[in-house]
Amino acid sequence: MTEAMYYILLALLEPNHGYQLMQAVGTVSHGRVKMGPGTLYGVLTRMVKDGLIVVVNNDGRRKTYAITDAGKEALKQEFARLEAMIRDSIEMGL
């Protein structure tokens, strides 16, 4: 999972639309990740196709996205993978 995917899923624990989602990614990453519209909409399209998120509202001007159960599971698995990487680093004295 890419960093962009991880933070989008994390931000979508609360449903959001595009612009709001870009802001939410910045918030949940404490400003470390800044995502432009090209990256955001490319990742959103892929994640909808993969069943990780769904469009819950489309008023023609904007789409509101929400995480699916499969997306939550993928987020949990990625968190566990990252946690294991940190443990490995600590064990090696980093």
C-alpha atoms as a PDB file:
ATOM      1  CA  MET A   1       0.000   0.000   0.000  1.00  0.00           C
ATOM      2  CA  THR A   2       1.319   3.433  -0.865  1.00  0.00           C
ATOM      3  CA  GLU A   3       1.586   6.241   1.643  1.00  0.00           C
ATOM      4  CA  ALA A   4      -1.119   8.141  -0.256  1.00  0.00           C
ATOM      5  CA  MET A   5      -3.497   5.166  -0.050  1.00  0.00           C
ATOM      6  CA  TYR A   6      -2.819   4.730   3.663  1.00  0.00           C
ATOM      7  CA  TYR A   7      -3.572   8.349   4.506  1.00  0.00           C
ATOM      8  CA  ILE A   8      -6.646   8.500   2.289  1.00  0.00           C
ATOM      9  CA  LEU A   9      -8.080   5.417   4.004  1.00  0.00           C
ATOM     10  CA  LEU A  10      -7.223   6.880   7.396  1.00  0.00           C
ATOM     11  CA  ALA A  11      -8.892  10.180   6.489  1.00  0.00           C
ATOM     12  CA  LEU A  12     -11.955   8.330   5.154  1.00  0.00           C
ATOM     13  CA  LEU A  13     -12.801   6.872   8.543  1.00  0.00           C
ATOM     14  CA  GLU A  14     -15.122   9.915   8.287  1.00  0.00           C
ATOM     15  CA  PRO A  15     -16.787  10.305   4.852  1.00  0.00           C
ATOM     16  CA  ASN A  16     -15.330  13.194   2.837  1.00  0.00           C
ATOM     17  CA  HIS A  17     -15.443  14.758  -0.606  1.00  0.00           C
ATOM     18  CA  GLY A  18     -12.384  15.638  -2.712  1.00  0.00           C
ATOM     19  CA  TYR A  19     -11.287  19.047  -1.444  1.00  0.00           C
ATOM     20  CA  GLN A  20     -12.263  18.210   2.118  1.00  0.00           C
ATOM     21  CA  LEU A  21     -10.341  14.950   1.794  1.00  0.00           C
ATOM     22  CA  MET A  22      -7.152  16.748   0.695  1.00  0.00           C
ATOM     23  CA  GLN A  23      -7.425  18.844   3.858  1.00  0.00           C
ATOM     24  CA  ALA A  24      -8.141  15.770   6.015  1.00  0.00           C
ATOM     25  CA  VAL A  25      -5.042  13.972   4.694  1.00  0.00           C
ATOM     26  CA  GLY A  26      -2.967  16.971   5.750  1.00  0.00           C
ATOM     27  CA  THR A  27      -4.601  16.916   9.177  1.00  0.00           C
ATOM     28  CA  VAL A  28      -4.198  13.191   9.901  1.00  0.00           C
ATOM     29  CA  SER A  29      -0.566  13.306   8.702  1.00  0.00           C
ATOM     30  CA  HIS A  30       0.126  16.386  10.858  1.00  0.00           C
ATOM     31  CA  GLY A  31       0.983  18.348   7.729  1.00  0.00           C
ATOM     32  CA  ARG A  32       3.602  15.870   6.553  1.00  0.00           C
ATOM     33  CA  VAL A  33       1.608  14.706   3.522  1.00  0.00           C
ATOM     34  CA  LYS A  34       0.297  17.260   1.056  1.00  0.00           C
ATOM     35  CA  MET A  35      -1.779  15.760  -1.704  1.00  0.00           C
ATOM     36  CA  GLY A  36      -2.687  17.479  -4.948  1.00  0.00           C
ATOM     37  CA  PRO A  37      -5.841  16.799  -6.920  1.00  0.00           C
ATOM     38  CA  GLY A  38      -4.093  14.688  -9.577  1.00  0.00           C
ATOM     39  CA  THR A  39      -2.715  12.245  -7.021  1.00  0.00           C
ATOM     40  CA  LEU A  40      -5.892  12.261  -4.948  1.00  0.00           C
ATOM     41  CA  TYR A  41      -8.324  11.521  -7.763  1.00  0.00           C
ATOM     42  CA  GLY A  42      -6.054   8.908  -9.323  1.00  0.00           C
ATOM     43  CA  VAL A  43      -5.818   7.048  -6.011  1.00  0.00           C
ATOM     44  CA  LEU A  44      -9.552   7.433  -5.309  1.00  0.00           C
ATOM     45  CA  THR A  45     -10.414   5.929  -8.698  1.00  0.00           C
ATOM     46  CA  ARG A  46      -8.139   2.961  -8.053  1.00  0.00           C
ATOM     47  CA  MET A  47      -9.456   2.425  -4.523  1.00  0.00           C
ATOM     48  CA  VAL A  48     -13.105   2.487  -5.668  1.00  0.00           C
ATOM     49  CA  LYS A  49     -12.226  -0.067  -8.349  1.00  0.00           C
ATOM     50  CA  ASP A  50     -10.492  -2.239  -5.713  1.00  0.00           C
ATOM     51  CA  GLY A  51     -13.501  -2.041  -3.355  1.00  0.00           C
ATOM     52  CA  LEU A  52     -11.613  -0.241  -0.575  1.00  0.00           C
ATOM     53  CA  ILE A  53     -13.880   2.814  -0.722  1.00  0.00           C
ATOM     54  CA  VAL A  54     -17.293   3.671  -2.172  1.00  0.00           C
ATOM     55  CA  VAL A  55     -19.013   6.789  -3.426  1.00  0.00           C
ATOM     56  CA  VAL A  56     -21.820   7.448  -0.944  1.00  0.00           C
ATOM     57  CA  ASN A  57     -23.096  10.643  -2.563  1.00  0.00           C
ATOM     58  CA  ASN A  58     -22.682  12.204  -5.994  1.00  0.00           C
ATOM     59  CA  ASP A  59     -24.547  15.473  -6.480  1.00  0.00           C
ATOM     60  CA  GLY A  60     -22.958  16.122  -9.872  1.00  0.00           C
ATOM     61  CA  ARG A  61     -20.525  18.707  -8.498  1.00  0.00           C
ATOM     62  CA  ARG A  62     -18.750  16.543  -5.985  1.00  0.00           C
ATOM     63  CA  LYS A  63     -18.542  12.972  -4.801  1.00  0.00           C
ATOM     64  CA  THR A  64     -18.457  11.954  -1.167  1.00  0.00           C
ATOM     65  CA  TYR A  65     -16.385   8.860  -0.419  1.00  0.00           C
ATOM     66  CA  ALA A  66     -16.438   6.441   2.523  1.00  0.00           C
ATOM     67  CA  ILE A  67     -14.228   3.529   3.523  1.00  0.00           C
ATOM     68  CA  THR A  68     -15.630   0.001   3.131  1.00  0.00           C
ATOM     69  CA  ASP A  69     -15.134  -2.941   5.489  1.00  0.00           C
ATOM     70  CA  ALA A  70     -12.488  -4.227   3.041  1.00  0.00           C
ATOM     71  CA  GLY A  71     -10.797  -0.819   3.225  1.00  0.00           C
ATOM     72  CA  LYS A  72     -10.795  -0.904   7.029  1.00  0.00           C
ATOM     73  CA  GLU A  73      -9.261  -4.370   6.961  1.00  0.00           C
ATOM     74  CA  ALA A  74      -6.580  -3.248   4.489  1.00  0.00           C
ATOM     75  CA  LEU A  75      -5.835  -0.238   6.708  1.00  0.00           C
ATOM     76  CA  LYS A  76      -5.467  -2.489   9.778  1.00  0.00           C
ATOM     77  CA  GLN A  77      -3.180  -4.879   7.893  1.00  0.00           C
ATOM     78  CA  GLU A  78      -0.988  -2.026   6.679  1.00  0.00           C
ATOM     79  CA  PHE A  79      -0.804  -0.623  10.206  1.00  0.00           C
ATOM     80  CA  ALA A  80       0.347  -4.028  11.489  1.00  0.00           C
ATOM     81  CA  ARG A  81       2.966  -4.234   8.727  1.00  0.00           C
ATOM     82  CA  LEU A  82       4.323  -0.775   9.562  1.00  0.00           C
ATOM     83  CA  GLU A  83       4.333  -1.608  13.259  1.00  0.00           C
ATOM     84  CA  ALA A  84       6.371  -4.777  12.551  1.00  0.00           C
ATOM     85  CA  MET A  85       8.880  -2.731  10.541  1.00  0.00           C
ATOM     86  CA  ILE A  86       9.322  -0.367  13.483  1.00  0.00           C
ATOM     87  CA  ARG A  87       9.820  -3.292  15.892  1.00  0.00           C
ATOM     88  CA  ASP A  88      12.438  -4.782  13.548  1.00  0.00           C
ATOM     89  CA  SER A  89      14.279  -1.455  13.452  1.00  0.00           C
ATOM     90  CA  ILE A  90      14.235  -1.142  17.234  1.00  0.00           C
ATOM     91  CA  GLU A  91      15.557  -4.707  17.598  1.00  0.00           C
ATOM     92  CA  MET A  92      18.454  -3.754  15.314  1.00  0.00           C
ATOM     93  CA  GLY A  93      19.340  -0.833  17.562  1.00  0.00           C
ATOM     94  CA  LEU A  94      17.985   2.017  15.497  1.00  0.00           C
END
